[in-house]
């Protein structure tokens, strides 16, 4: 779920170097990480590639590929949101590791939780509405008989 926090992150990352290359997780890798994929990989990669701050996109399919990606791409900086702070310090022997602050008040998790709550609320309203319709129909049928 791409949101303004992601765009802000990409903007900040693009200012950290001369070229921004972004790894986009495959659907399978997201499932390994316990994340639901709402938009298929190909579409997510196209969206990210279409952002003016991004120079190139590559497929991220495992946790272990980061070291190889840094070497293969000749990266001088590995940067990621600060919600991952400390998790990739082991890459600092290859390049600078930077954790970028998140956009205040926005997160994919928060958006998903809000969406689920809205859906549950709508379902509850539909169920209440259908119960009320059943009551009315029953009352009408009771009066007709």
N, C-alpha and C. Protein backbone atom coordinates (compact mmCIF):
# COMPACT_ATOMS: atom_id res chain seq x y z
N UNK A 1 0.85 -1.18 0.00
CA UNK A 1 0.00 0.00 0.00
C UNK A 1 0.89 1.24 0.00
N UNK A 2 1.02 1.84 -1.14
CA UNK A 2 1.88 3.01 -1.27
C UNK A 2 1.18 4.24 -0.71
N UNK A 3 1.88 4.97 0.14
CA UNK A 3 1.29 6.18 0.75
C UNK A 3 2.33 7.29 0.82
N UNK A 4 1.92 8.44 1.31
CA UNK A 4 2.77 9.63 1.34
C UNK A 4 4.07 9.39 2.12
N UNK A 5 4.03 8.55 3.13
CA UNK A 5 5.25 8.22 3.87
C UNK A 5 6.29 7.57 2.97
N UNK A 6 5.84 6.69 2.08
CA UNK A 6 6.77 6.05 1.14
C UNK A 6 7.34 7.09 0.17
N UNK A 7 6.49 7.97 -0.33
CA UNK A 7 6.96 9.00 -1.25
C UNK A 7 7.98 9.91 -0.56
N UNK A 8 7.69 10.30 0.67
CA UNK A 8 8.64 11.12 1.43
C UNK A 8 9.97 10.40 1.62
N UNK A 9 9.90 9.12 1.94
CA UNK A 9 11.12 8.32 2.12
C UNK A 9 11.94 8.29 0.83
N UNK A 10 11.28 8.05 -0.30
CA UNK A 10 11.99 8.01 -1.57
C UNK A 10 12.61 9.37 -1.90
N UNK A 11 11.91 10.45 -1.61
CA UNK A 11 12.45 11.79 -1.85
C UNK A 11 13.72 12.01 -1.03
N UNK A 12 13.65 11.69 0.26
CA UNK A 12 14.81 11.86 1.14
C UNK A 12 15.96 10.97 0.68
N UNK A 13 15.66 9.74 0.34
CA UNK A 13 16.70 8.81 -0.11
C UNK A 13 17.37 9.32 -1.38
N UNK A 14 16.58 9.89 -2.29
CA UNK A 14 17.16 10.38 -3.55
C UNK A 14 18.12 11.53 -3.32
N UNK A 15 17.91 12.27 -2.23
CA UNK A 15 18.79 13.39 -1.90
C UNK A 15 20.10 12.95 -1.24
N UNK A 16 20.17 11.66 -0.89
CA UNK A 16 21.36 11.14 -0.20
C UNK A 16 22.47 10.71 -1.15
N UNK A 17 22.16 10.65 -2.43
CA UNK A 17 23.17 10.19 -3.38
C UNK A 17 22.84 10.64 -4.79
N UNK A 18 23.62 10.16 -5.73
CA UNK A 18 23.43 10.57 -7.12
C UNK A 18 22.44 9.68 -7.87
N UNK A 19 22.14 8.52 -7.31
CA UNK A 19 21.25 7.57 -7.97
C UNK A 19 20.50 6.78 -6.91
N UNK A 20 19.20 6.61 -7.11
CA UNK A 20 18.39 5.83 -6.17
C UNK A 20 17.89 4.57 -6.85
N UNK A 21 18.33 3.44 -6.32
CA UNK A 21 17.90 2.13 -6.81
C UNK A 21 17.13 1.46 -5.67
N UNK A 22 15.91 1.04 -5.96
CA UNK A 22 15.00 0.56 -4.93
C UNK A 22 14.70 -0.93 -5.11
N UNK A 23 14.83 -1.68 -4.04
CA UNK A 23 14.41 -3.07 -4.03
C UNK A 23 12.94 -3.15 -3.67
N UNK A 24 12.17 -3.84 -4.50
CA UNK A 24 10.74 -4.03 -4.25
C UNK A 24 10.52 -5.50 -3.96
N UNK A 25 9.93 -5.79 -2.82
CA UNK A 25 9.72 -7.17 -2.39
C UNK A 25 8.72 -7.90 -3.28
N UNK A 26 9.05 -9.13 -3.63
CA UNK A 26 8.13 -9.96 -4.40
C UNK A 26 6.95 -10.35 -3.50
N UNK A 27 5.90 -10.82 -4.11
CA UNK A 27 4.73 -11.28 -3.35
C UNK A 27 5.12 -12.42 -2.40
N UNK A 28 5.93 -13.34 -2.91
CA UNK A 28 6.36 -14.48 -2.09
C UNK A 28 7.19 -14.02 -0.90
N UNK A 29 8.11 -13.09 -1.14
CA UNK A 29 8.94 -12.57 -0.04
C UNK A 29 8.07 -11.86 0.99
N UNK A 30 7.08 -11.10 0.54
CA UNK A 30 6.16 -10.46 1.48
C UNK A 30 5.45 -11.50 2.33
N UNK A 31 5.05 -12.61 1.74
CA UNK A 31 4.36 -13.64 2.53
C UNK A 31 5.30 -14.24 3.57
N UNK A 32 6.58 -14.40 3.21
CA UNK A 32 7.58 -14.89 4.18
C UNK A 32 7.70 -13.92 5.34
N UNK A 33 7.62 -12.60 5.04
CA UNK A 33 7.72 -11.57 6.07
C UNK A 33 6.40 -11.41 6.84
N UNK A 34 5.37 -12.18 6.47
CA UNK A 34 4.09 -12.09 7.15
C UNK A 34 3.24 -10.91 6.71
N UNK A 35 3.51 -10.39 5.52
CA UNK A 35 2.77 -9.24 5.01
C UNK A 35 1.78 -9.68 3.94
N UNK A 36 0.59 -9.11 3.98
CA UNK A 36 -0.39 -9.34 2.92
C UNK A 36 -0.04 -8.48 1.72
N UNK A 37 -0.13 -9.06 0.53
CA UNK A 37 0.11 -8.31 -0.69
C UNK A 37 -1.22 -7.94 -1.31
N UNK A 38 -1.51 -6.66 -1.34
CA UNK A 38 -2.76 -6.18 -1.93
C UNK A 38 -2.59 -5.86 -3.41
N UNK A 39 -1.40 -5.40 -3.79
CA UNK A 39 -1.09 -5.04 -5.17
C UNK A 39 0.03 -5.97 -5.62
N UNK A 40 -0.14 -6.66 -6.76
CA UNK A 40 0.88 -7.62 -7.21
C UNK A 40 2.24 -6.96 -7.45
N UNK A 41 3.30 -7.76 -7.31
CA UNK A 41 4.67 -7.27 -7.44
C UNK A 41 4.87 -6.44 -8.71
N UNK A 42 4.45 -6.96 -9.85
CA UNK A 42 4.70 -6.27 -11.12
C UNK A 42 4.13 -4.85 -11.10
N UNK A 43 2.94 -4.69 -10.53
CA UNK A 43 2.33 -3.37 -10.45
C UNK A 43 3.06 -2.48 -9.45
N UNK A 44 3.44 -3.05 -8.29
CA UNK A 44 4.17 -2.27 -7.30
C UNK A 44 5.51 -1.81 -7.85
N UNK A 45 6.20 -2.70 -8.56
CA UNK A 45 7.49 -2.34 -9.16
C UNK A 45 7.31 -1.24 -10.20
N UNK A 46 6.24 -1.32 -10.99
CA UNK A 46 5.96 -0.28 -11.99
C UNK A 46 5.66 1.06 -11.34
N UNK A 47 4.90 1.03 -10.26
CA UNK A 47 4.57 2.27 -9.54
C UNK A 47 5.85 2.92 -9.03
N UNK A 48 6.69 2.13 -8.36
CA UNK A 48 7.93 2.67 -7.80
C UNK A 48 8.85 3.16 -8.91
N UNK A 49 8.96 2.40 -10.00
CA UNK A 49 9.82 2.79 -11.12
C UNK A 49 9.35 4.10 -11.76
N UNK A 50 8.05 4.37 -11.67
CA UNK A 50 7.49 5.57 -12.27
C UNK A 50 7.64 6.83 -11.44
N UNK A 51 8.18 6.70 -10.26
CA UNK A 51 8.36 7.86 -9.38
C UNK A 51 9.63 8.60 -9.78
N UNK A 52 9.53 9.92 -9.89
CA UNK A 52 10.65 10.71 -10.41
C UNK A 52 11.91 10.61 -9.58
N UNK A 53 11.82 10.27 -8.31
CA UNK A 53 13.00 10.18 -7.45
C UNK A 53 13.78 8.88 -7.69
N UNK A 54 13.15 7.90 -8.33
CA UNK A 54 13.71 6.56 -8.46
C UNK A 54 14.37 6.38 -9.83
N UNK A 55 15.63 5.92 -9.81
CA UNK A 55 16.36 5.69 -11.05
C UNK A 55 16.20 4.26 -11.57
N UNK A 56 16.05 3.32 -10.66
CA UNK A 56 15.91 1.93 -11.08
C UNK A 56 15.29 1.12 -9.95
N UNK A 57 14.73 -0.03 -10.32
CA UNK A 57 14.06 -0.93 -9.37
C UNK A 57 14.58 -2.34 -9.62
N UNK A 58 14.73 -3.12 -8.56
CA UNK A 58 15.09 -4.52 -8.71
C UNK A 58 14.23 -5.36 -7.79
N UNK A 59 14.17 -6.63 -8.10
CA UNK A 59 13.35 -7.58 -7.35
C UNK A 59 14.07 -8.01 -6.08
N UNK A 60 13.36 -7.89 -4.97
CA UNK A 60 13.89 -8.36 -3.69
C UNK A 60 13.11 -9.61 -3.30
N UNK A 61 13.80 -10.74 -3.21
CA UNK A 61 13.09 -12.00 -2.96
C UNK A 61 13.54 -12.75 -1.71
N UNK A 62 14.66 -12.30 -1.10
CA UNK A 62 15.12 -12.94 0.14
C UNK A 62 15.80 -11.91 1.04
N UNK A 63 15.88 -12.26 2.33
CA UNK A 63 16.61 -11.40 3.27
C UNK A 63 18.10 -11.40 2.94
N UNK A 64 18.59 -12.56 2.50
CA UNK A 64 20.03 -12.76 2.33
C UNK A 64 20.62 -12.05 1.12
N UNK A 65 19.82 -11.56 0.21
CA UNK A 65 20.37 -10.99 -1.02
C UNK A 65 20.92 -9.58 -0.86
N UNK A 66 20.66 -8.91 0.27
CA UNK A 66 21.07 -7.52 0.44
C UNK A 66 22.58 -7.31 0.24
N UNK A 67 23.37 -8.18 0.82
CA UNK A 67 24.83 -8.04 0.68
C UNK A 67 25.24 -8.14 -0.79
N UNK A 68 24.69 -9.14 -1.48
CA UNK A 68 25.01 -9.31 -2.90
C UNK A 68 24.52 -8.11 -3.73
N UNK A 69 23.34 -7.59 -3.39
CA UNK A 69 22.79 -6.44 -4.12
C UNK A 69 23.69 -5.22 -3.96
N UNK A 70 24.17 -4.98 -2.75
CA UNK A 70 25.06 -3.84 -2.50
C UNK A 70 26.32 -3.95 -3.34
N UNK A 71 26.91 -5.13 -3.37
CA UNK A 71 28.13 -5.35 -4.16
C UNK A 71 27.81 -5.25 -5.65
N UNK A 72 26.76 -5.94 -6.09
CA UNK A 72 26.39 -5.96 -7.52
C UNK A 72 26.10 -4.56 -8.05
N UNK A 73 25.42 -3.75 -7.24
CA UNK A 73 25.01 -2.41 -7.67
C UNK A 73 26.06 -1.33 -7.36
N UNK A 74 27.08 -1.71 -6.60
CA UNK A 74 28.11 -0.74 -6.24
C UNK A 74 27.57 0.36 -5.34
N UNK A 75 26.65 -0.01 -4.46
CA UNK A 75 26.01 0.98 -3.58
C UNK A 75 26.99 1.53 -2.55
N UNK A 76 26.90 2.83 -2.34
CA UNK A 76 27.71 3.50 -1.33
C UNK A 76 26.93 3.69 -0.03
N UNK A 77 25.58 3.68 -0.18
CA UNK A 77 24.70 3.85 0.98
C UNK A 77 23.57 2.85 0.87
N UNK A 78 23.28 2.17 1.96
CA UNK A 78 22.07 1.36 2.09
C UNK A 78 21.19 2.12 3.06
N UNK A 79 20.00 2.53 2.60
CA UNK A 79 19.13 3.31 3.46
C UNK A 79 17.74 2.70 3.48
N UNK A 80 17.10 2.84 4.64
CA UNK A 80 15.78 2.26 4.85
C UNK A 80 15.11 3.05 5.98
N UNK A 81 13.80 2.92 6.12
CA UNK A 81 13.08 3.63 7.17
C UNK A 81 13.57 3.26 8.56
N UNK A 82 13.47 4.21 9.48
CA UNK A 82 14.01 3.99 10.83
C UNK A 82 13.22 3.00 11.67
N UNK A 83 12.09 2.51 11.13
CA UNK A 83 11.40 1.42 11.83
C UNK A 83 12.25 0.14 11.78
N UNK A 84 13.28 0.13 10.95
CA UNK A 84 14.21 -0.99 10.84
C UNK A 84 15.54 -0.69 11.55
N UNK A 85 15.59 0.36 12.34
CA UNK A 85 16.84 0.79 12.98
C UNK A 85 17.57 -0.38 13.65
N UNK A 86 18.85 -0.50 13.31
CA UNK A 86 19.71 -1.52 13.89
C UNK A 86 19.68 -2.86 13.19
N UNK A 87 18.66 -3.12 12.38
CA UNK A 87 18.48 -4.44 11.76
C UNK A 87 19.50 -4.75 10.66
N UNK A 88 20.07 -3.69 10.08
CA UNK A 88 20.97 -3.91 8.96
C UNK A 88 22.37 -3.35 9.20
N UNK A 89 22.71 -3.16 10.46
CA UNK A 89 24.03 -2.64 10.81
C UNK A 89 25.16 -3.55 10.32
N UNK A 90 24.86 -4.84 10.14
CA UNK A 90 25.87 -5.78 9.68
C UNK A 90 26.34 -5.48 8.26
N UNK A 91 25.61 -4.63 7.54
CA UNK A 91 26.00 -4.27 6.17
C UNK A 91 27.01 -3.12 6.14
N UNK A 92 27.31 -2.56 7.31
CA UNK A 92 28.18 -1.38 7.36
C UNK A 92 29.63 -1.67 6.95
N UNK A 93 29.99 -2.95 6.85
CA UNK A 93 31.32 -3.25 6.34
C UNK A 93 31.39 -3.08 4.82
N UNK A 94 30.22 -2.99 4.17
CA UNK A 94 30.17 -2.82 2.71
C UNK A 94 29.90 -1.38 2.28
N UNK A 95 29.10 -0.66 3.10
CA UNK A 95 28.70 0.70 2.74
C UNK A 95 28.12 1.39 3.98
N UNK A 96 27.81 2.65 3.82
CA UNK A 96 27.14 3.37 4.90
C UNK A 96 25.72 2.84 5.05
N UNK A 97 25.28 2.64 6.28
CA UNK A 97 23.90 2.21 6.54
C UNK A 97 23.19 3.37 7.21
N UNK A 98 22.06 3.78 6.62
CA UNK A 98 21.30 4.92 7.14
C UNK A 98 19.86 4.53 7.38
N UNK A 99 19.34 4.99 8.51
CA UNK A 99 17.94 4.77 8.87
C UNK A 99 17.24 6.12 8.83
N UNK A 100 16.29 6.26 7.91
CA UNK A 100 15.63 7.53 7.66
C UNK A 100 14.34 7.63 8.47
N UNK A 101 14.12 8.76 9.15
CA UNK A 101 12.89 8.92 9.93
C UNK A 101 11.63 8.77 9.08
N UNK A 102 10.65 8.15 9.68
CA UNK A 102 9.36 7.95 9.01
C UNK A 102 8.55 9.24 9.03
N UNK A 103 7.57 9.31 8.16
CA UNK A 103 6.64 10.43 8.16
C UNK A 103 5.72 10.28 9.36
N UNK A 104 5.68 11.31 10.17
CA UNK A 104 4.88 11.31 11.40
C UNK A 104 3.40 11.07 11.09
N UNK A 105 2.80 10.15 11.84
CA UNK A 105 1.35 9.95 11.77
C UNK A 105 0.85 9.11 10.61
N UNK A 106 1.76 8.47 9.87
CA UNK A 106 1.30 7.64 8.74
C UNK A 106 2.10 6.33 8.73
N UNK A 107 1.38 5.23 8.52
CA UNK A 107 2.04 3.94 8.38
C UNK A 107 1.12 2.99 7.62
N UNK A 108 1.73 2.06 6.94
CA UNK A 108 0.94 1.05 6.22
C UNK A 108 0.08 0.27 7.21
N UNK A 109 0.66 -0.10 8.33
CA UNK A 109 -0.08 -0.84 9.35
C UNK A 109 -1.30 -0.04 9.81
N UNK A 110 -1.12 1.24 10.07
CA UNK A 110 -2.22 2.09 10.50
C UNK A 110 -3.32 2.17 9.45
N UNK A 111 -2.92 2.31 8.19
CA UNK A 111 -3.91 2.38 7.10
C UNK A 111 -4.67 1.06 7.00
N UNK A 112 -3.96 -0.05 7.10
CA UNK A 112 -4.62 -1.36 7.04
C UNK A 112 -5.59 -1.54 8.21
N UNK A 113 -5.17 -1.14 9.41
CA UNK A 113 -6.05 -1.26 10.58
C UNK A 113 -7.29 -0.40 10.40
N UNK A 114 -7.13 0.82 9.91
CA UNK A 114 -8.26 1.71 9.67
C UNK A 114 -9.19 1.10 8.62
N UNK A 115 -8.62 0.58 7.54
CA UNK A 115 -9.42 -0.02 6.48
C UNK A 115 -10.22 -1.21 7.00
N UNK A 116 -9.56 -2.05 7.78
CA UNK A 116 -10.27 -3.21 8.34
C UNK A 116 -11.41 -2.78 9.26
N UNK A 117 -11.16 -1.75 10.05
CA UNK A 117 -12.20 -1.24 10.95
C UNK A 117 -13.38 -0.69 10.15
N UNK A 118 -13.07 0.02 9.08
CA UNK A 118 -14.13 0.56 8.23
C UNK A 118 -14.94 -0.57 7.61
N UNK A 119 -14.26 -1.59 7.12
CA UNK A 119 -14.95 -2.72 6.50
C UNK A 119 -15.83 -3.42 7.53
N UNK A 120 -15.27 -3.66 8.73
CA UNK A 120 -16.06 -4.30 9.79
C UNK A 120 -17.28 -3.45 10.13
N UNK A 121 -17.09 -2.14 10.20
CA UNK A 121 -18.21 -1.24 10.50
C UNK A 121 -19.28 -1.32 9.44
N UNK A 122 -18.85 -1.36 8.18
CA UNK A 122 -19.81 -1.45 7.09
C UNK A 122 -20.55 -2.79 7.13
N UNK A 123 -19.82 -3.86 7.41
CA UNK A 123 -20.47 -5.17 7.50
C UNK A 123 -21.46 -5.21 8.65
N UNK A 124 -21.07 -4.62 9.78
CA UNK A 124 -21.99 -4.57 10.90
C UNK A 124 -23.25 -3.79 10.53
N UNK A 125 -23.10 -2.68 9.81
CA UNK A 125 -24.26 -1.90 9.37
C UNK A 125 -25.15 -2.70 8.43
N UNK A 126 -24.52 -3.43 7.50
CA UNK A 126 -25.29 -4.24 6.55
C UNK A 126 -26.05 -5.33 7.31
N UNK A 127 -25.35 -5.98 8.25
CA UNK A 127 -26.01 -7.03 9.02
C UNK A 127 -27.16 -6.47 9.85
N UNK A 128 -26.93 -5.32 10.50
CA UNK A 128 -28.01 -4.68 11.26
C UNK A 128 -29.17 -4.32 10.34
N UNK A 129 -28.83 -3.81 9.14
CA UNK A 129 -29.86 -3.44 8.17
C UNK A 129 -30.65 -4.64 7.72
N UNK A 130 -29.97 -5.75 7.47
CA UNK A 130 -30.68 -6.94 7.01
C UNK A 130 -31.55 -7.52 8.12
N UNK A 131 -31.08 -7.42 9.38
CA UNK A 131 -31.92 -7.87 10.49
C UNK A 131 -33.17 -7.01 10.59
N UNK A 132 -33.02 -5.72 10.41
CA UNK A 132 -34.16 -4.79 10.47
C UNK A 132 -35.13 -5.07 9.34
N UNK A 133 -34.61 -5.33 8.13
CA UNK A 133 -35.48 -5.66 6.99
C UNK A 133 -36.25 -6.94 7.30
N UNK A 134 -35.58 -7.94 7.89
CA UNK A 134 -36.26 -9.19 8.25
C UNK A 134 -37.37 -8.94 9.26
N UNK A 135 -37.10 -8.06 10.24
CA UNK A 135 -38.12 -7.73 11.23
C UNK A 135 -39.33 -7.07 10.57
N UNK A 136 -39.05 -6.14 9.66
CA UNK A 136 -40.16 -5.42 8.99
C UNK A 136 -40.97 -6.37 8.13
N UNK A 137 -40.28 -7.21 7.34
CA UNK A 137 -40.98 -8.18 6.48
C UNK A 137 -41.79 -9.14 7.34
N UNK A 138 -41.17 -9.61 8.43
CA UNK A 138 -41.90 -10.50 9.32
C UNK A 138 -43.13 -9.85 9.90
N UNK A 139 -43.00 -8.59 10.30
CA UNK A 139 -44.13 -7.85 10.85
C UNK A 139 -45.22 -7.67 9.80
N UNK A 140 -44.80 -7.35 8.58
CA UNK A 140 -45.78 -7.16 7.50
C UNK A 140 -46.49 -8.48 7.18
N UNK A 141 -45.71 -9.54 7.10
CA UNK A 141 -46.31 -10.84 6.81
C UNK A 141 -47.23 -11.26 7.95
N UNK A 142 -46.85 -10.95 9.16
CA UNK A 142 -47.68 -11.27 10.30
C UNK A 142 -49.01 -10.55 10.28
N UNK A 143 -48.97 -9.31 9.78
CA UNK A 143 -50.20 -8.52 9.70
C UNK A 143 -51.08 -8.97 8.55
N UNK A 144 -50.41 -9.46 7.44
CA UNK A 144 -51.18 -9.88 6.27
C UNK A 144 -51.90 -11.18 6.55
N UNK A 145 -51.28 -12.05 7.29
CA UNK A 145 -51.87 -13.37 7.53
C UNK A 145 -53.01 -13.29 8.45
